[in-house]
Amino acid sequence: MQYIHYYDSPLGRITLASDGEKLSGLWFDGQKYYGSTLSEENEQRELPIFDQTSQWIDIYFSGQKPDFTPPLSLQATPFRKAVWEIMLQIPYGQTMTYGAIAREIAAQRGIGQMSAHAVGGAVSHNPISLIIPCHRVVGTNGSLTGYAGGIDKKVRLLTLEHADLSKLFVPTRGTAL
């Protein structure tokens, strides 16, 4: 059984999901891949993990960096988990490119290279938005691409974090990762 809880954020309603102990999902309502890890059997319930996650979100939307991470339950392939673990290390207010994540994955696996597009697929399927900060991942050339919640939310989140947006831009069709 999975449990859900709703949080009204400044950027719209957020749905939280849990296995009862750990957070297994956090999506802006209507985003791409919404509810991707949510089972059909779920019920709305108040849980300590939802209180803890709501506290994290409150701190985040107040413009501060939360000093804790709620316990997470990540059900995915080892590749996706590795990408998400790297994203968890991207500092608040900073960005990292798909290519840089690909190079880090390649180094971890002892291989010559890894596809930035493969990394992009893992980033876009991140089931715990905000906390696993996929909004901090940008194209190699500085393009603000690939945010399942929408580019407008990505810009607002990076602005909230006081990220340097001066070298970032909204891509046109055909812009590479």
N, C-alpha and C. Protein backbone atom coordinates (compact mmCIF):
# COMPACT_ATOMS: atom_id res chain seq x y z
N MET A 1 0.84 -1.18 0.00
CA MET A 1 0.00 0.00 0.00
C MET A 1 0.88 1.24 0.00
N GLN A 2 0.49 2.21 -0.78
CA GLN A 2 1.17 3.49 -0.78
C GLN A 2 0.21 4.55 -0.26
N TYR A 3 0.80 5.62 0.25
CA TYR A 3 0.03 6.70 0.84
C TYR A 3 0.38 8.00 0.14
N ILE A 4 -0.59 8.90 0.08
CA ILE A 4 -0.36 10.18 -0.57
C ILE A 4 -0.76 11.32 0.35
N HIS A 5 -0.21 12.47 0.05
CA HIS A 5 -0.50 13.69 0.79
C HIS A 5 -0.33 14.84 -0.20
N TYR A 6 -1.11 15.89 -0.03
CA TYR A 6 -1.02 17.04 -0.93
C TYR A 6 -0.42 18.24 -0.19
N TYR A 7 0.38 18.99 -0.92
CA TYR A 7 1.02 20.18 -0.39
C TYR A 7 0.77 21.31 -1.38
N ASP A 8 0.24 22.43 -0.90
CA ASP A 8 0.01 23.58 -1.77
C ASP A 8 1.24 24.49 -1.73
N SER A 9 2.00 24.50 -2.83
CA SER A 9 3.22 25.29 -2.91
C SER A 9 2.97 26.57 -3.69
N PRO A 10 3.89 27.52 -3.64
CA PRO A 10 3.77 28.73 -4.45
C PRO A 10 3.77 28.46 -5.96
N LEU A 11 4.20 27.27 -6.36
CA LEU A 11 4.23 26.91 -7.78
C LEU A 11 3.14 25.91 -8.15
N GLY A 12 2.19 25.71 -7.27
CA GLY A 12 1.10 24.79 -7.54
C GLY A 12 1.10 23.61 -6.58
N ARG A 13 0.05 22.83 -6.69
CA ARG A 13 -0.09 21.70 -5.78
C ARG A 13 0.95 20.63 -6.07
N ILE A 14 1.45 20.05 -5.00
CA ILE A 14 2.43 18.97 -5.06
C ILE A 14 1.80 17.74 -4.44
N THR A 15 2.00 16.60 -5.07
CA THR A 15 1.56 15.33 -4.51
C THR A 15 2.78 14.61 -3.96
N LEU A 16 2.69 14.19 -2.71
CA LEU A 16 3.74 13.40 -2.06
C LEU A 16 3.26 11.96 -1.99
N ALA A 17 4.18 11.02 -2.12
CA ALA A 17 3.85 9.60 -1.99
C ALA A 17 4.84 8.95 -1.03
N SER A 18 4.36 7.92 -0.33
CA SER A 18 5.20 7.22 0.63
C SER A 18 4.79 5.76 0.74
N ASP A 19 5.77 4.96 1.16
CA ASP A 19 5.50 3.55 1.47
C ASP A 19 5.04 3.40 2.92
N GLY A 20 4.91 4.51 3.61
CA GLY A 20 4.52 4.52 5.02
C GLY A 20 5.64 4.97 5.92
N GLU A 21 6.87 4.85 5.45
CA GLU A 21 8.03 5.25 6.24
C GLU A 21 8.92 6.24 5.50
N LYS A 22 9.11 6.03 4.20
CA LYS A 22 10.01 6.88 3.41
C LYS A 22 9.24 7.54 2.27
N LEU A 23 9.79 8.63 1.78
CA LEU A 23 9.20 9.35 0.66
C LEU A 23 9.54 8.61 -0.63
N SER A 24 8.52 8.30 -1.43
CA SER A 24 8.76 7.59 -2.69
C SER A 24 8.36 8.41 -3.91
N GLY A 25 7.75 9.57 -3.69
CA GLY A 25 7.37 10.41 -4.81
C GLY A 25 7.08 11.83 -4.38
N LEU A 26 7.39 12.77 -5.26
CA LEU A 26 7.08 14.18 -5.05
C LEU A 26 6.96 14.79 -6.44
N TRP A 27 5.72 15.13 -6.83
CA TRP A 27 5.47 15.64 -8.18
C TRP A 27 4.62 16.90 -8.11
N PHE A 28 4.93 17.86 -8.98
CA PHE A 28 4.00 18.95 -9.21
C PHE A 28 2.83 18.36 -9.97
N ASP A 29 1.62 18.67 -9.56
CA ASP A 29 0.45 18.14 -10.26
C ASP A 29 0.52 18.53 -11.73
N GLY A 30 0.30 17.55 -12.59
CA GLY A 30 0.30 17.78 -14.03
C GLY A 30 1.65 17.67 -14.70
N GLN A 31 2.72 17.46 -13.94
CA GLN A 31 4.03 17.38 -14.59
C GLN A 31 4.16 16.08 -15.37
N LYS A 32 5.09 16.08 -16.29
CA LYS A 32 5.38 14.88 -17.07
C LYS A 32 5.82 13.77 -16.10
N TYR A 33 5.37 12.56 -16.36
CA TYR A 33 5.65 11.38 -15.53
C TYR A 33 5.06 11.50 -14.12
N TYR A 34 4.01 12.32 -13.98
CA TYR A 34 3.33 12.46 -12.69
C TYR A 34 2.89 11.09 -12.18
N GLY A 35 3.21 10.81 -10.94
CA GLY A 35 2.78 9.57 -10.30
C GLY A 35 3.42 8.31 -10.85
N SER A 36 4.58 8.45 -11.48
CA SER A 36 5.20 7.31 -12.15
C SER A 36 5.51 6.13 -11.23
N THR A 37 5.74 6.39 -9.96
CA THR A 37 6.04 5.31 -9.02
C THR A 37 4.87 5.03 -8.08
N LEU A 38 3.74 5.64 -8.36
CA LEU A 38 2.58 5.50 -7.49
C LEU A 38 1.72 4.33 -7.94
N SER A 39 1.44 3.43 -7.00
CA SER A 39 0.59 2.29 -7.32
C SER A 39 -0.87 2.74 -7.39
N GLU A 40 -1.68 1.94 -8.06
CA GLU A 40 -3.11 2.26 -8.14
C GLU A 40 -3.76 2.21 -6.78
N GLU A 41 -3.25 1.33 -5.92
CA GLU A 41 -3.78 1.24 -4.56
C GLU A 41 -3.03 2.22 -3.68
N ASN A 42 -3.70 3.33 -3.36
CA ASN A 42 -3.10 4.31 -2.46
C ASN A 42 -4.23 5.01 -1.72
N GLU A 43 -3.86 5.59 -0.62
CA GLU A 43 -4.85 6.34 0.14
C GLU A 43 -4.20 7.56 0.76
N GLN A 44 -5.01 8.59 0.90
CA GLN A 44 -4.52 9.82 1.51
C GLN A 44 -4.46 9.61 3.02
N ARG A 45 -3.31 9.96 3.60
CA ARG A 45 -3.13 9.75 5.03
C ARG A 45 -2.09 10.72 5.56
N GLU A 46 -2.23 11.10 6.81
CA GLU A 46 -1.22 11.91 7.50
C GLU A 46 -0.17 10.96 8.06
N LEU A 47 1.09 11.22 7.73
CA LEU A 47 2.20 10.38 8.21
C LEU A 47 3.36 11.26 8.64
N PRO A 48 4.20 10.79 9.56
CA PRO A 48 5.38 11.56 9.95
C PRO A 48 6.27 11.93 8.75
N ILE A 49 6.42 11.05 7.77
CA ILE A 49 7.26 11.37 6.62
C ILE A 49 6.68 12.54 5.83
N PHE A 50 5.37 12.65 5.78
CA PHE A 50 4.75 13.78 5.09
C PHE A 50 4.94 15.07 5.87
N ASP A 51 4.90 14.99 7.21
CA ASP A 51 5.17 16.17 8.04
C ASP A 51 6.61 16.63 7.83
N GLN A 52 7.54 15.67 7.82
CA GLN A 52 8.95 15.99 7.64
C GLN A 52 9.20 16.59 6.25
N THR A 53 8.59 16.00 5.22
CA THR A 53 8.76 16.50 3.86
C THR A 53 8.13 17.87 3.71
N SER A 54 6.97 18.08 4.31
CA SER A 54 6.33 19.40 4.26
C SER A 54 7.20 20.45 4.93
N GLN A 55 7.86 20.08 6.02
CA GLN A 55 8.78 21.00 6.68
C GLN A 55 9.93 21.34 5.74
N TRP A 56 10.48 20.34 5.05
CA TRP A 56 11.56 20.56 4.08
C TRP A 56 11.09 21.54 2.99
N ILE A 57 9.89 21.31 2.46
CA ILE A 57 9.35 22.17 1.39
C ILE A 57 9.10 23.59 1.91
N ASP A 58 8.59 23.71 3.14
CA ASP A 58 8.38 25.04 3.74
C ASP A 58 9.70 25.81 3.80
N ILE A 59 10.74 25.16 4.27
CA ILE A 59 12.06 25.81 4.36
C ILE A 59 12.53 26.20 2.96
N TYR A 60 12.41 25.27 2.03
CA TYR A 60 12.87 25.52 0.66
C TYR A 60 12.15 26.73 0.06
N PHE A 61 10.83 26.77 0.13
CA PHE A 61 10.09 27.87 -0.48
C PHE A 61 10.20 29.17 0.31
N SER A 62 10.78 29.13 1.50
CA SER A 62 11.07 30.37 2.22
C SER A 62 12.38 30.99 1.71
N GLY A 63 13.02 30.32 0.76
CA GLY A 63 14.26 30.83 0.17
C GLY A 63 15.51 30.38 0.89
N GLN A 64 15.39 29.38 1.73
CA GLN A 64 16.53 28.86 2.47
C GLN A 64 16.85 27.44 2.04
N LYS A 65 18.08 27.04 2.28
CA LYS A 65 18.50 25.67 1.97
C LYS A 65 18.17 24.77 3.16
N PRO A 66 17.31 23.77 2.96
CA PRO A 66 17.03 22.84 4.06
C PRO A 66 18.31 22.12 4.49
N ASP A 67 18.45 21.90 5.80
CA ASP A 67 19.67 21.26 6.30
C ASP A 67 19.48 19.77 6.57
N PHE A 68 18.45 19.20 5.98
CA PHE A 68 18.21 17.76 6.12
C PHE A 68 17.52 17.27 4.86
N THR A 69 17.57 15.97 4.67
CA THR A 69 16.85 15.33 3.57
C THR A 69 15.94 14.27 4.18
N PRO A 70 14.65 14.32 3.86
CA PRO A 70 13.78 13.27 4.38
C PRO A 70 14.24 11.90 3.88
N PRO A 71 13.96 10.84 4.60
CA PRO A 71 14.32 9.50 4.12
C PRO A 71 13.62 9.21 2.79
N LEU A 72 14.39 8.71 1.82
CA LEU A 72 13.88 8.47 0.47
C LEU A 72 13.86 6.99 0.16
N SER A 73 12.85 6.57 -0.59
CA SER A 73 12.75 5.21 -1.11
C SER A 73 12.79 5.31 -2.63
N LEU A 74 13.90 4.89 -3.21
CA LEU A 74 14.08 4.99 -4.65
C LEU A 74 14.01 3.60 -5.28
N GLN A 75 12.96 3.38 -6.05
CA GLN A 75 12.77 2.11 -6.74
C GLN A 75 13.06 2.34 -8.22
N ALA A 76 14.23 1.93 -8.66
CA ALA A 76 14.62 2.17 -10.06
C ALA A 76 15.82 1.30 -10.39
N THR A 77 16.26 1.42 -11.63
CA THR A 77 17.45 0.70 -12.06
C THR A 77 18.68 1.27 -11.36
N PRO A 78 19.75 0.50 -11.28
CA PRO A 78 20.98 1.02 -10.68
C PRO A 78 21.49 2.27 -11.41
N PHE A 79 21.32 2.33 -12.73
CA PHE A 79 21.76 3.51 -13.48
C PHE A 79 20.99 4.75 -13.04
N ARG A 80 19.68 4.66 -12.99
CA ARG A 80 18.89 5.82 -12.58
C ARG A 80 19.23 6.23 -11.15
N LYS A 81 19.37 5.26 -10.26
CA LYS A 81 19.73 5.58 -8.88
C LYS A 81 21.07 6.30 -8.82
N ALA A 82 22.03 5.88 -9.63
CA ALA A 82 23.35 6.52 -9.65
C ALA A 82 23.23 7.97 -10.10
N VAL A 83 22.42 8.22 -11.13
CA VAL A 83 22.21 9.59 -11.61
C VAL A 83 21.55 10.42 -10.51
N TRP A 84 20.53 9.87 -9.86
CA TRP A 84 19.82 10.62 -8.82
C TRP A 84 20.73 10.90 -7.62
N GLU A 85 21.62 9.97 -7.30
CA GLU A 85 22.57 10.20 -6.20
C GLU A 85 23.50 11.37 -6.53
N ILE A 86 23.93 11.46 -7.77
CA ILE A 86 24.76 12.59 -8.19
C ILE A 86 23.96 13.89 -8.08
N MET A 87 22.70 13.86 -8.52
CA MET A 87 21.88 15.07 -8.44
C MET A 87 21.71 15.53 -6.99
N LEU A 88 21.63 14.60 -6.07
CA LEU A 88 21.51 14.97 -4.65
C LEU A 88 22.73 15.75 -4.16
N GLN A 89 23.84 15.62 -4.86
CA GLN A 89 25.07 16.29 -4.45
C GLN A 89 25.24 17.67 -5.09
N ILE A 90 24.36 18.06 -6.02
CA ILE A 90 24.47 19.38 -6.65
C ILE A 90 24.12 20.42 -5.60
N PRO A 91 25.04 21.34 -5.31
CA PRO A 91 24.78 22.32 -4.25
C PRO A 91 23.60 23.24 -4.57
N TYR A 92 22.92 23.63 -3.52
CA TYR A 92 21.82 24.59 -3.59
C TYR A 92 22.30 25.84 -4.33
N GLY A 93 21.53 26.30 -5.30
CA GLY A 93 21.87 27.52 -6.03
C GLY A 93 22.88 27.34 -7.14
N GLN A 94 23.29 26.11 -7.41
CA GLN A 94 24.25 25.85 -8.47
C GLN A 94 23.64 24.88 -9.47
N THR A 95 24.29 24.76 -10.61
CA THR A 95 23.81 23.84 -11.64
C THR A 95 24.92 22.89 -12.04
N MET A 96 24.52 21.82 -12.72
CA MET A 96 25.45 20.83 -13.25
C MET A 96 24.89 20.41 -14.60
N THR A 97 25.74 20.10 -15.53
CA THR A 97 25.27 19.73 -16.85
C THR A 97 25.02 18.22 -16.96
N TYR A 98 24.17 17.88 -17.92
CA TYR A 98 23.94 16.47 -18.22
C TYR A 98 25.28 15.80 -18.55
N GLY A 99 26.12 16.51 -19.32
CA GLY A 99 27.42 15.97 -19.71
C GLY A 99 28.32 15.71 -18.52
N ALA A 100 28.31 16.61 -17.54
CA ALA A 100 29.14 16.42 -16.34
C ALA A 100 28.65 15.20 -15.54
N ILE A 101 27.34 15.03 -15.46
CA ILE A 101 26.81 13.84 -14.78
C ILE A 101 27.22 12.59 -15.55
N ALA A 102 27.14 12.64 -16.88
CA ALA A 102 27.54 11.50 -17.71
C ALA A 102 29.00 11.15 -17.47
N ARG A 103 29.86 12.15 -17.39
CA ARG A 103 31.29 11.89 -17.14
C ARG A 103 31.50 11.27 -15.77
N GLU A 104 30.75 11.75 -14.78
CA GLU A 104 30.88 11.19 -13.43
C GLU A 104 30.41 9.73 -13.39
N ILE A 105 29.31 9.43 -14.07
CA ILE A 105 28.83 8.05 -14.14
C ILE A 105 29.86 7.17 -14.84
N ALA A 106 30.42 7.67 -15.95
CA ALA A 106 31.44 6.91 -16.68
C ALA A 106 32.64 6.61 -15.78
N ALA A 107 33.07 7.62 -15.02
CA ALA A 107 34.20 7.42 -14.11
C ALA A 107 33.87 6.40 -13.03
N GLN A 108 32.66 6.46 -12.48
CA GLN A 108 32.24 5.50 -11.45
C GLN A 108 32.26 4.07 -11.99
N ARG A 109 31.89 3.93 -13.25
CA ARG A 109 31.79 2.60 -13.85
C ARG A 109 33.07 2.17 -14.55
N GLY A 110 34.06 3.05 -14.57
CA GLY A 110 35.33 2.72 -15.20
C GLY A 110 35.23 2.54 -16.71
N ILE A 111 34.37 3.34 -17.34
CA ILE A 111 34.23 3.28 -18.79
C ILE A 111 34.63 4.62 -19.40
N GLY A 112 34.91 4.60 -20.68
CA GLY A 112 35.39 5.80 -21.36
C GLY A 112 34.39 6.93 -21.42
N GLN A 113 33.14 6.61 -21.70
CA GLN A 113 32.14 7.67 -21.78
C GLN A 113 30.74 7.12 -21.53
N MET A 114 29.84 8.05 -21.26
CA MET A 114 28.44 7.73 -21.02
C MET A 114 27.64 8.76 -21.79
N SER A 115 26.52 8.35 -22.31
CA SER A 115 25.67 9.24 -23.10
C SER A 115 24.96 10.26 -22.21
N ALA A 116 25.07 11.53 -22.58
CA ALA A 116 24.33 12.58 -21.88
C ALA A 116 22.83 12.39 -22.08
N HIS A 117 22.43 11.82 -23.22
CA HIS A 117 21.01 11.57 -23.46
C HIS A 117 20.48 10.49 -22.52
N ALA A 118 21.29 9.49 -22.24
CA ALA A 118 20.88 8.46 -21.28
C ALA A 118 20.70 9.08 -19.90
N VAL A 119 21.61 9.96 -19.54
CA VAL A 119 21.50 10.69 -18.27
C VAL A 119 20.22 11.52 -18.28
N GLY A 120 19.94 12.18 -19.41
CA GLY A 120 18.72 12.98 -19.52
C GLY A 120 17.46 12.16 -19.27
N GLY A 121 17.44 10.93 -19.74
CA GLY A 121 16.30 10.06 -19.48
C GLY A 121 16.13 9.77 -18.01
N ALA A 122 17.25 9.53 -17.32
CA ALA A 122 17.18 9.27 -15.88
C ALA A 122 16.75 10.52 -15.11
N VAL A 123 17.29 11.67 -15.52
CA VAL A 123 16.93 12.92 -14.86
C VAL A 123 15.43 13.19 -15.02
N SER A 124 14.92 13.00 -16.22
CA SER A 124 13.51 13.32 -16.48
C SER A 124 12.55 12.38 -15.75
N HIS A 125 13.01 11.19 -15.39
CA HIS A 125 12.16 10.23 -14.68
C HIS A 125 12.36 10.27 -13.15
N ASN A 126 13.02 11.31 -12.67
CA ASN A 126 13.21 11.49 -11.24
C ASN A 126 11.84 11.56 -10.55
N PRO A 127 11.54 10.64 -9.64
CA PRO A 127 10.23 10.65 -9.01
C PRO A 127 10.12 11.55 -7.80
N ILE A 128 11.23 12.19 -7.39
CA ILE A 128 11.19 13.01 -6.18
C ILE A 128 11.75 14.40 -6.51
N SER A 129 10.95 15.15 -7.29
CA SER A 129 11.34 16.50 -7.69
C SER A 129 11.63 17.36 -6.46
N LEU A 130 12.33 18.43 -6.67
CA LEU A 130 12.77 19.37 -5.65
C LEU A 130 13.84 18.78 -4.75
N ILE A 131 13.52 17.72 -4.03
CA ILE A 131 14.49 17.16 -3.08
C ILE A 131 15.65 16.54 -3.84
N ILE A 132 15.37 15.76 -4.87
CA ILE A 132 16.40 15.34 -5.81
C ILE A 132 16.34 16.40 -6.91
N PRO A 133 17.26 17.35 -6.87
CA PRO A 133 17.09 18.60 -7.62
C PRO A 133 17.36 18.53 -9.12
N CYS A 134 16.45 17.91 -9.85
CA CYS A 134 16.59 17.82 -11.30
C CYS A 134 16.51 19.20 -11.95
N HIS A 135 15.93 20.17 -11.26
CA HIS A 135 15.87 21.53 -11.81
C HIS A 135 17.25 22.17 -11.89
N ARG A 136 18.24 21.60 -11.21
CA ARG A 136 19.60 22.14 -11.24
C ARG A 136 20.44 21.55 -12.38
N VAL A 137 19.85 20.68 -13.18
CA VAL A 137 20.59 20.07 -14.29
C VAL A 137 20.26 20.85 -15.56
N VAL A 138 21.32 21.27 -16.25
CA VAL A 138 21.17 22.09 -17.46
C VAL A 138 21.96 21.48 -18.61
N GLY A 139 21.67 21.96 -19.81
CA GLY A 139 22.41 21.51 -20.99
C GLY A 139 23.85 21.97 -20.94
N THR A 140 24.70 21.27 -21.65
CA THR A 140 26.13 21.56 -21.66
C THR A 140 26.41 23.01 -22.06
N ASN A 141 25.58 23.54 -22.94
CA ASN A 141 25.77 24.92 -23.39
C ASN A 141 25.02 25.94 -22.54
N GLY A 142 24.45 25.51 -21.42
CA GLY A 142 23.74 26.41 -20.54
C GLY A 142 22.25 26.48 -20.79
N SER A 143 21.74 25.60 -21.64
CA SER A 143 20.31 25.64 -21.95
C SER A 143 19.49 25.08 -20.79
N LEU A 144 18.40 25.76 -20.50
CA LEU A 144 17.46 25.32 -19.47
C LEU A 144 16.50 24.35 -20.13
N THR A 145 16.87 23.11 -20.16
CA THR A 145 16.11 22.11 -20.89
C THR A 145 15.74 20.96 -19.97
N GLY A 146 14.72 20.23 -20.34
CA GLY A 146 14.44 18.94 -19.73
C GLY A 146 13.85 18.91 -18.35
N TYR A 147 13.05 19.88 -17.94
CA TYR A 147 12.43 19.80 -16.63
C TYR A 147 10.99 19.34 -16.78
N ALA A 148 10.66 18.19 -16.18
CA ALA A 148 9.33 17.60 -16.33
C ALA A 148 8.23 18.51 -15.80
N GLY A 149 8.55 19.39 -14.85
CA GLY A 149 7.57 20.32 -14.30
C GLY A 149 7.35 21.54 -15.17
N GLY A 150 8.19 21.69 -16.20
CA GLY A 150 8.08 22.84 -17.10
C GLY A 150 9.23 23.82 -16.89
N ILE A 151 9.68 24.40 -17.98
CA ILE A 151 10.82 25.33 -17.93
C ILE A 151 10.51 26.52 -17.02
N ASP A 152 9.26 27.00 -17.03
CA ASP A 152 8.91 28.14 -16.19
C ASP A 152 9.15 27.82 -14.71
N LYS A 153 8.81 26.62 -14.27
CA LYS A 153 9.07 26.23 -12.87
C LYS A 153 10.57 26.11 -12.62
N LYS A 154 11.29 25.56 -13.59
CA LYS A 154 12.74 25.41 -13.44
C LYS A 154 13.38 26.78 -13.21
N VAL A 155 12.99 27.76 -14.00
CA VAL A 155 13.52 29.12 -13.86
C VAL A 155 13.16 29.69 -12.49
N ARG A 156 11.92 29.50 -12.06
CA ARG A 156 11.49 30.04 -10.77
C ARG A 156 12.22 29.37 -9.61
N LEU A 157 12.47 28.07 -9.71
CA LEU A 157 13.20 27.36 -8.65
C LEU A 157 14.66 27.83 -8.58
N LEU A 158 15.29 27.96 -9.74
CA LEU A 158 16.68 28.43 -9.75
C LEU A 158 16.78 29.88 -9.27
N THR A 159 15.78 30.69 -9.60
CA THR A 159 15.74 32.08 -9.14
C THR A 159 15.58 32.11 -7.62
N LEU A 160 14.69 31.27 -7.08
CA LEU A 160 14.50 31.17 -5.64
C LEU A 160 15.81 30.84 -4.93
N GLU A 161 16.63 29.99 -5.57
CA GLU A 161 17.91 29.58 -4.99
C GLU A 161 19.02 30.59 -5.25
N HIS A 162 18.70 31.68 -5.92
CA HIS A 162 19.68 32.71 -6.27
C HIS A 162 20.80 32.17 -7.14
N ALA A 163 20.45 31.24 -8.01
CA ALA A 163 21.43 30.69 -8.96
C ALA A 163 21.78 31.78 -9.97
N ASP A 164 22.98 31.73 -10.49
CA ASP A 164 23.41 32.67 -11.52
C ASP A 164 22.79 32.24 -12.84
N LEU A 165 21.78 32.97 -13.28
CA LEU A 165 21.08 32.64 -14.52
C LEU A 165 21.65 33.39 -15.72
N SER A 166 22.70 34.17 -15.51
CA SER A 166 23.20 35.04 -16.59
C SER A 166 23.73 34.27 -17.79
N LYS A 167 24.17 33.04 -17.59
CA LYS A 167 24.71 32.26 -18.71
C LYS A 167 23.76 31.15 -19.14
N LEU A 168 22.56 31.14 -18.59
CA LEU A 168 21.58 30.11 -18.92
C LEU A 168 20.51 30.71 -19.83
N PHE A 169 19.91 29.87 -20.66
CA PHE A 169 18.89 30.34 -21.59
C PHE A 169 17.90 29.26 -21.88
N VAL A 170 16.71 29.67 -22.35
CA VAL A 170 15.68 28.74 -22.77
C VAL A 170 16.03 28.29 -24.19
N PRO A 171 16.14 26.99 -24.42
CA PRO A 171 16.59 26.51 -25.73
C PRO A 171 15.53 26.64 -26.82
N THR A 172 16.02 26.63 -28.03
CA THR A 172 15.15 26.50 -29.18
C THR A 172 15.18 25.05 -29.62
N ARG A 173 14.32 24.64 -30.51
CA ARG A 173 14.28 23.25 -30.97
C ARG A 173 15.67 22.80 -31.44
N GLY A 174 16.01 21.56 -31.09
CA GLY A 174 17.24 20.97 -31.59
C GLY A 174 18.47 21.24 -30.71
N THR A 175 18.29 21.92 -29.58
CA THR A 175 19.42 22.18 -28.70
C THR A 175 19.84 20.90 -27.99
N ALA A 176 21.11 20.61 -28.00
CA ALA A 176 21.65 19.35 -27.43
C ALA A 176 21.77 19.44 -25.91
N LEU A 177 21.75 18.25 -25.30
CA LEU A 177 21.98 18.16 -23.86
C LEU A 177 23.46 18.37 -23.60
